[in-house]
């Protein structure tokens, strides 16, 4: 973080079968490290699209690991 900048925040994306939730978290206070740094937030629709894709990848990974064991 450079002088004059605000502390970074993390955006936590969560989803269940019937709802999605976006939470903001103060990174400095949580001990979480920044994985991607954006100076402008993308539109809500892009967040939703990325969340859906991440959920699908997680499900595929979960089922693939379950079949291997």
PDB file of N, CA and C in Angstrom:
ATOM      1  N   UNK A   1       0.854  -1.176   0.000  1.00  0.00           N
ATOM      2  CA  UNK A   1       0.000   0.000   0.000  1.00  0.00           C
ATOM      3  C   UNK A   1       0.898   1.236   0.000  1.00  0.00           C
ATOM      4  N   UNK A   2       0.552   2.168  -0.843  1.00  0.00           N
ATOM      5  CA  UNK A   2       1.330   3.396  -0.955  1.00  0.00           C
ATOM      6  C   UNK A   2       0.748   4.491  -0.060  1.00  0.00           C
ATOM      7  N   UNK A   3       1.577   5.462   0.255  1.00  0.00           N
ATOM      8  CA  UNK A   3       1.129   6.573   1.085  1.00  0.00           C
ATOM      9  C   UNK A   3      -0.079   7.263   0.436  1.00  0.00           C
ATOM     10  N   UNK A   4      -1.083   7.555   1.255  1.00  0.00           N
ATOM     11  CA  UNK A   4      -2.281   8.221   0.779  1.00  0.00           C
ATOM     12  C   UNK A   4      -3.362   7.277   0.269  1.00  0.00           C
ATOM     13  N   UNK A   5      -3.060   5.985   0.162  1.00  0.00           N
ATOM     14  CA  UNK A   5      -4.058   5.016  -0.288  1.00  0.00           C
ATOM     15  C   UNK A   5      -4.836   4.464   0.905  1.00  0.00           C
ATOM     16  N   UNK A   6      -6.048   4.101   0.661  1.00  0.00           N
ATOM     17  CA  UNK A   6      -6.862   3.446   1.683  1.00  0.00           C
ATOM     18  C   UNK A   6      -6.451   1.992   1.792  1.00  0.00           C
ATOM     19  N   UNK A   7      -6.671   1.371   2.957  1.00  0.00           N
ATOM     20  CA  UNK A   7      -6.338  -0.042   3.089  1.00  0.00           C
ATOM     21  C   UNK A   7      -7.197  -0.876   2.133  1.00  0.00           C
ATOM     22  N   UNK A   8      -6.644  -1.975   1.619  1.00  0.00           N
ATOM     23  CA  UNK A   8      -7.411  -2.799   0.690  1.00  0.00           C
ATOM     24  C   UNK A   8      -8.567  -3.512   1.385  1.00  0.00           C
ATOM     25  N   UNK A   9      -9.574  -3.834   0.591  1.00  0.00           N
ATOM     26  CA  UNK A   9     -10.687  -4.638   1.077  1.00  0.00           C
ATOM     27  C   UNK A   9     -10.748  -5.907   0.246  1.00  0.00           C
ATOM     28  N   UNK A  10     -11.296  -6.946   0.807  1.00  0.00           N
ATOM     29  CA  UNK A  10     -11.512  -8.199   0.086  1.00  0.00           C
ATOM     30  C   UNK A  10     -12.995  -8.316  -0.195  1.00  0.00           C
ATOM     31  N   UNK A  11     -13.301  -8.882  -1.322  1.00  0.00           N
ATOM     32  CA  UNK A  11     -14.695  -9.149  -1.667  1.00  0.00           C
ATOM     33  C   UNK A  11     -14.874 -10.656  -1.584  1.00  0.00           C
ATOM     34  N   UNK A  12     -15.736 -11.081  -0.698  1.00  0.00           N
ATOM     35  CA  UNK A  12     -15.998 -12.491  -0.478  1.00  0.00           C
ATOM     36  C   UNK A  12     -17.295 -12.843  -1.192  1.00  0.00           C
ATOM     37  N   UNK A  13     -17.224 -13.792  -2.116  1.00  0.00           N
ATOM     38  CA  UNK A  13     -18.400 -14.216  -2.868  1.00  0.00           C
ATOM     39  C   UNK A  13     -18.855 -15.559  -2.329  1.00  0.00           C
ATOM     40  N   UNK A  14     -20.120 -15.645  -1.937  1.00  0.00           N
ATOM     41  CA  UNK A  14     -20.679 -16.871  -1.391  1.00  0.00           C
ATOM     42  C   UNK A  14     -21.963 -17.203  -2.139  1.00  0.00           C
ATOM     43  N   UNK A  15     -22.227 -18.481  -2.278  1.00  0.00           N
ATOM     44  CA  UNK A  15     -23.458 -18.869  -2.959  1.00  0.00           C
ATOM     45  C   UNK A  15     -24.000 -20.142  -2.339  1.00  0.00           C
ATOM     46  N   UNK A  16     -25.304 -20.212  -2.284  1.00  0.00           N
ATOM     47  CA  UNK A  16     -25.990 -21.428  -1.901  1.00  0.00           C
ATOM     48  C   UNK A  16     -26.958 -21.762  -3.023  1.00  0.00           C
ATOM     49  N   UNK A  17     -27.774 -22.754  -2.826  1.00  0.00           N
ATOM     50  CA  UNK A  17     -28.688 -23.177  -3.881  1.00  0.00           C
ATOM     51  C   UNK A  17     -29.652 -22.067  -4.293  1.00  0.00           C
ATOM     52  N   UNK A  18     -30.094 -21.257  -3.339  1.00  0.00           N
ATOM     53  CA  UNK A  18     -31.136 -20.279  -3.621  1.00  0.00           C
ATOM     54  C   UNK A  18     -30.711 -18.821  -3.534  1.00  0.00           C
ATOM     55  N   UNK A  19     -29.490 -18.551  -3.095  1.00  0.00           N
ATOM     56  CA  UNK A  19     -29.102 -17.152  -2.969  1.00  0.00           C
ATOM     57  C   UNK A  19     -27.598 -16.964  -3.102  1.00  0.00           C
ATOM     58  N   UNK A  20     -27.223 -15.740  -3.417  1.00  0.00           N
ATOM     59  CA  UNK A  20     -25.826 -15.366  -3.507  1.00  0.00           C
ATOM     60  C   UNK A  20     -25.604 -14.179  -2.590  1.00  0.00           C
ATOM     61  N   UNK A  21     -24.388 -14.068  -2.086  1.00  0.00           N
ATOM     62  CA  UNK A  21     -24.085 -12.986  -1.163  1.00  0.00           C
ATOM     63  C   UNK A  21     -22.684 -12.461  -1.453  1.00  0.00           C
ATOM     64  N   UNK A  22     -22.548 -11.168  -1.389  1.00  0.00           N
ATOM     65  CA  UNK A  22     -21.239 -10.531  -1.550  1.00  0.00           C
ATOM     66  C   UNK A  22     -20.952  -9.762  -0.267  1.00  0.00           C
ATOM     67  N   UNK A  23     -19.815 -10.034   0.349  1.00  0.00           N
ATOM     68  CA  UNK A  23     -19.418  -9.374   1.588  1.00  0.00           C
ATOM     69  C   UNK A  23     -18.087  -8.659   1.380  1.00  0.00           C
ATOM     70  N   UNK A  24     -17.901  -7.571   2.068  1.00  0.00           N
ATOM     71  CA  UNK A  24     -16.628  -6.851   2.054  1.00  0.00           C
ATOM     72  C   UNK A  24     -15.901  -7.127   3.369  1.00  0.00           C
ATOM     73  N   UNK A  25     -14.596  -7.274   3.287  1.00  0.00           N
ATOM     74  CA  UNK A  25     -13.791  -7.597   4.456  1.00  0.00           C
ATOM     75  C   UNK A  25     -12.542  -6.726   4.439  1.00  0.00           C
ATOM     76  N   UNK A  26     -12.184  -6.151   5.568  1.00  0.00           N
ATOM     77  CA  UNK A  26     -10.964  -5.361   5.656  1.00  0.00           C
ATOM     78  C   UNK A  26      -9.775  -6.315   5.704  1.00  0.00           C
ATOM     79  N   UNK A  27      -8.960  -6.276   4.668  1.00  0.00           N
ATOM     80  CA  UNK A  27      -7.863  -7.225   4.515  1.00  0.00           C
ATOM     81  C   UNK A  27      -6.838  -7.099   5.636  1.00  0.00           C
ATOM     82  N   UNK A  28      -6.445  -5.884   5.978  1.00  0.00           N
ATOM     83  CA  UNK A  28      -5.413  -5.698   7.008  1.00  0.00           C
ATOM     84  C   UNK A  28      -5.809  -6.299   8.344  1.00  0.00           C
ATOM     85  N   UNK A  29      -7.073  -6.244   8.677  1.00  0.00           N
ATOM     86  CA  UNK A  29      -7.534  -6.736   9.974  1.00  0.00           C
ATOM     87  C   UNK A  29      -7.798  -8.241   9.967  1.00  0.00           C
ATOM     88  N   UNK A  30      -7.899  -8.853   8.793  1.00  0.00           N
ATOM     89  CA  UNK A  30      -8.261 -10.260   8.718  1.00  0.00           C
ATOM     90  C   UNK A  30      -7.075 -11.189   8.500  1.00  0.00           C
ATOM     91  N   UNK A  31      -5.941 -10.641   8.066  1.00  0.00           N
ATOM     92  CA  UNK A  31      -4.782 -11.476   7.785  1.00  0.00           C
ATOM     93  C   UNK A  31      -4.830 -12.113   6.400  1.00  0.00           C
ATOM     94  N   UNK A  32      -5.809 -11.776   5.595  1.00  0.00           N
ATOM     95  CA  UNK A  32      -5.922 -12.294   4.233  1.00  0.00           C
ATOM     96  C   UNK A  32      -4.997 -11.494   3.328  1.00  0.00           C
ATOM     97  N   UNK A  33      -4.361 -12.162   2.397  1.00  0.00           N
ATOM     98  CA  UNK A  33      -3.480 -11.501   1.441  1.00  0.00           C
ATOM     99  C   UNK A  33      -4.221 -11.244   0.138  1.00  0.00           C
ATOM    100  N   UNK A  34      -3.843 -10.194  -0.563  1.00  0.00           N
ATOM    101  CA  UNK A  34      -4.498  -9.809  -1.809  1.00  0.00           C
ATOM    102  C   UNK A  34      -4.054 -10.735  -2.924  1.00  0.00           C
ATOM    103  N   UNK A  35      -5.041 -11.366  -3.616  1.00  0.00           N
ATOM    104  CA  UNK A  35      -4.747 -12.239  -4.741  1.00  0.00           C
ATOM    105  C   UNK A  35      -4.829 -11.503  -6.058  1.00  0.00           C
ATOM    106  N   UNK A  36      -5.697 -10.529  -6.123  1.00  0.00           N
ATOM    107  CA  UNK A  36      -5.838  -9.708  -7.327  1.00  0.00           C
ATOM    108  C   UNK A  36      -6.180  -8.302  -6.870  1.00  0.00           C
ATOM    109  N   UNK A  37      -5.518  -7.328  -7.440  1.00  0.00           N
ATOM    110  CA  UNK A  37      -5.688  -5.943  -7.020  1.00  0.00           C
ATOM    111  C   UNK A  37      -6.382  -5.165  -8.124  1.00  0.00           C
ATOM    112  N   UNK A  38      -7.537  -4.593  -7.844  1.00  0.00           N
ATOM    113  CA  UNK A  38      -8.286  -3.787  -8.805  1.00  0.00           C
ATOM    114  C   UNK A  38      -8.476  -2.391  -8.231  1.00  0.00           C
ATOM    115  N   UNK A  39      -8.313  -1.393  -9.073  1.00  0.00           N
ATOM    116  CA  UNK A  39      -8.549  -0.026  -8.609  1.00  0.00           C
ATOM    117  C   UNK A  39      -9.989   0.408  -8.856  1.00  0.00           C
ATOM    118  N   UNK A  40     -10.679  -0.262  -9.760  1.00  0.00           N
ATOM    119  CA  UNK A  40     -12.099  -0.019 -10.012  1.00  0.00           C
ATOM    120  C   UNK A  40     -12.835  -1.345  -9.926  1.00  0.00           C
ATOM    121  N   UNK A  41     -14.009  -1.333  -9.349  1.00  0.00           N
ATOM    122  CA  UNK A  41     -14.785  -2.559  -9.259  1.00  0.00           C
ATOM    123  C   UNK A  41     -15.536  -2.820 -10.559  1.00  0.00           C
ATOM    124  N   UNK A  42     -15.529  -4.074 -11.014  1.00  0.00           N
ATOM    125  CA  UNK A  42     -16.300  -4.410 -12.208  1.00  0.00           C
ATOM    126  C   UNK A  42     -17.801  -4.409 -11.895  1.00  0.00           C
ATOM    127  N   UNK A  43     -18.645  -4.447 -12.916  1.00  0.00           N
ATOM    128  CA  UNK A  43     -20.086  -4.456 -12.697  1.00  0.00           C
ATOM    129  C   UNK A  43     -20.548  -5.706 -11.943  1.00  0.00           C
ATOM    130  N   UNK A  44     -21.664  -5.582 -11.269  1.00  0.00           N
ATOM    131  CA  UNK A  44     -22.245  -6.686 -10.489  1.00  0.00           C
ATOM    132  C   UNK A  44     -22.440  -7.924 -11.363  1.00  0.00           C
ATOM    133  N   UNK A  45     -22.838  -7.738 -12.600  1.00  0.00           N
ATOM    134  CA  UNK A  45     -23.086  -8.863 -13.495  1.00  0.00           C
ATOM    135  C   UNK A  45     -21.819  -9.689 -13.723  1.00  0.00           C
ATOM    136  N   UNK A  46     -20.672  -9.014 -13.803  1.00  0.00           N
ATOM    137  CA  UNK A  46     -19.411  -9.729 -13.979  1.00  0.00           C
ATOM    138  C   UNK A  46     -19.090 -10.544 -12.726  1.00  0.00           C
ATOM    139  N   UNK A  47     -19.326  -9.984 -11.551  1.00  0.00           N
ATOM    140  CA  UNK A  47     -19.136 -10.741 -10.306  1.00  0.00           C
ATOM    141  C   UNK A  47     -20.022 -11.982 -10.303  1.00  0.00           C
ATOM    142  N   UNK A  48     -21.271 -11.826 -10.691  1.00  0.00           N
ATOM    143  CA  UNK A  48     -22.187 -12.967 -10.712  1.00  0.00           C
ATOM    144  C   UNK A  48     -21.702 -14.042 -11.670  1.00  0.00           C
ATOM    145  N   UNK A  49     -21.262 -13.632 -12.849  1.00  0.00           N
ATOM    146  CA  UNK A  49     -20.761 -14.592 -13.835  1.00  0.00           C
ATOM    147  C   UNK A  49     -19.550 -15.342 -13.299  1.00  0.00           C
ATOM    148  N   UNK A  50     -18.601 -14.606 -12.711  1.00  0.00           N
ATOM    149  CA  UNK A  50     -17.400 -15.241 -12.163  1.00  0.00           C
ATOM    150  C   UNK A  50     -17.746 -16.174 -11.001  1.00  0.00           C
ATOM    151  N   UNK A  51     -18.708 -15.784 -10.183  1.00  0.00           N
ATOM    152  CA  UNK A  51     -19.127 -16.626  -9.069  1.00  0.00           C
ATOM    153  C   UNK A  51     -19.718 -17.933  -9.591  1.00  0.00           C
ATOM    154  N   UNK A  52     -20.588 -17.843 -10.569  1.00  0.00           N
ATOM    155  CA  UNK A  52     -21.197 -19.051 -11.129  1.00  0.00           C
ATOM    156  C   UNK A  52     -20.140 -19.980 -11.727  1.00  0.00           C
ATOM    157  N   UNK A  53     -19.171 -19.419 -12.440  1.00  0.00           N
ATOM    158  CA  UNK A  53     -18.102 -20.232 -13.029  1.00  0.00           C
ATOM    159  C   UNK A  53     -17.254 -20.890 -11.941  1.00  0.00           C
ATOM    160  N   UNK A  54     -16.945 -20.136 -10.884  1.00  0.00           N
ATOM    161  CA  UNK A  54     -16.144 -20.688  -9.785  1.00  0.00           C
ATOM    162  C   UNK A  54     -16.887 -21.818  -9.085  1.00  0.00           C
ATOM    163  N   UNK A  55     -18.185 -21.672  -8.918  1.00  0.00           N
ATOM    164  CA  UNK A  55     -18.987 -22.723  -8.287  1.00  0.00           C
ATOM    165  C   UNK A  55     -18.976 -23.976  -9.138  1.00  0.00           C
ATOM    166  N   UNK A  56     -19.139 -23.815 -10.440  1.00  0.00           N
ATOM    167  CA  UNK A  56     -19.127 -24.962 -11.339  1.00  0.00           C
ATOM    168  C   UNK A  56     -17.775 -25.674 -11.309  1.00  0.00           C
ATOM    169  N   UNK A  57     -16.678 -24.901 -11.318  1.00  0.00           N
ATOM    170  CA  UNK A  57     -15.344 -25.516 -11.244  1.00  0.00           C
ATOM    171  C   UNK A  57     -15.163 -26.254  -9.922  1.00  0.00           C
ATOM    172  N   UNK A  58     -15.639 -25.664  -8.832  1.00  0.00           N
ATOM    173  CA  UNK A  58     -15.509 -26.306  -7.518  1.00  0.00           C
ATOM    174  C   UNK A  58     -16.306 -27.605  -7.475  1.00  0.00           C
ATOM    175  N   UNK A  59     -17.517 -27.595  -8.030  1.00  0.00           N
ATOM    176  CA  UNK A  59     -18.329 -28.817  -8.067  1.00  0.00           C
ATOM    177  C   UNK A  59     -17.649 -29.904  -8.896  1.00  0.00           C
ATOM    178  N   UNK A  60     -17.130 -29.509 -10.069  1.00  0.00           N
ATOM    179  CA  UNK A  60     -16.449 -30.484 -10.921  1.00  0.00           C
ATOM    180  C   UNK A  60     -15.231 -31.063 -10.210  1.00  0.00           C
ATOM    181  N   UNK A  61     -14.475 -30.215  -9.545  1.00  0.00           N
ATOM    182  CA  UNK A  61     -13.294 -30.669  -8.816  1.00  0.00           C
ATOM    183  C   UNK A  61     -13.691 -31.599  -7.672  1.00  0.00           C
ATOM    184  N   UNK A  62     -14.738 -31.241  -6.953  1.00  0.00           N
ATOM    185  CA  UNK A  62     -15.216 -32.054  -5.836  1.00  0.00           C
ATOM    186  C   UNK A  62     -15.612 -33.445  -6.317  1.00  0.00           C
ATOM    187  N   UNK A  63     -16.404 -33.499  -7.380  1.00  0.00           N
ATOM    188  CA  UNK A  63     -16.877 -34.797  -7.884  1.00  0.00           C
ATOM    189  C   UNK A  63     -15.733 -35.600  -8.488  1.00  0.00           C
ATOM    190  N   UNK A  64     -14.796 -34.946  -9.142  1.00  0.00           N
ATOM    191  CA  UNK A  64     -13.650 -35.656  -9.711  1.00  0.00           C
ATOM    192  C   UNK A  64     -12.797 -36.270  -8.602  1.00  0.00           C
ATOM    193  N   UNK A  65     -12.579 -35.534  -7.525  1.00  0.00           N
ATOM    194  CA  UNK A  65     -11.797 -36.067  -6.401  1.00  0.00           C
ATOM    195  C   UNK A  65     -12.547 -37.198  -5.721  1.00  0.00           C
ATOM    196  N   UNK A  66     -13.853 -37.066  -5.616  1.00  0.00           N
ATOM    197  CA  UNK A  66     -14.659 -38.112  -4.991  1.00  0.00           C
ATOM    198  C   UNK A  66     -14.620 -39.411  -5.767  1.00  0.00           C
ATOM    199  N   UNK A  67     -14.547 -39.321  -7.077  1.00  0.00           N
ATOM    200  CA  UNK A  67     -14.498 -40.512  -7.909  1.00  0.00           C
ATOM    201  C   UNK A  67     -13.133 -41.170  -7.880  1.00  0.00           C
ATOM    202  N   UNK A  68     -12.082 -40.384  -7.641  1.00  0.00           N
ATOM    203  CA  UNK A  68     -10.719 -40.918  -7.606  1.00  0.00           C
ATOM    204  C   UNK A  68     -10.445 -41.685  -6.323  1.00  0.00           C
ATOM    205  N   UNK A  69     -11.123 -41.366  -5.258  1.00  0.00           N
ATOM    206  CA  UNK A  69     -10.826 -41.989  -3.951  1.00  0.00           C
ATOM    207  C   UNK A  69     -11.472 -43.337  -3.822  1.00  0.00           C
TER     208      UNK A  69
END
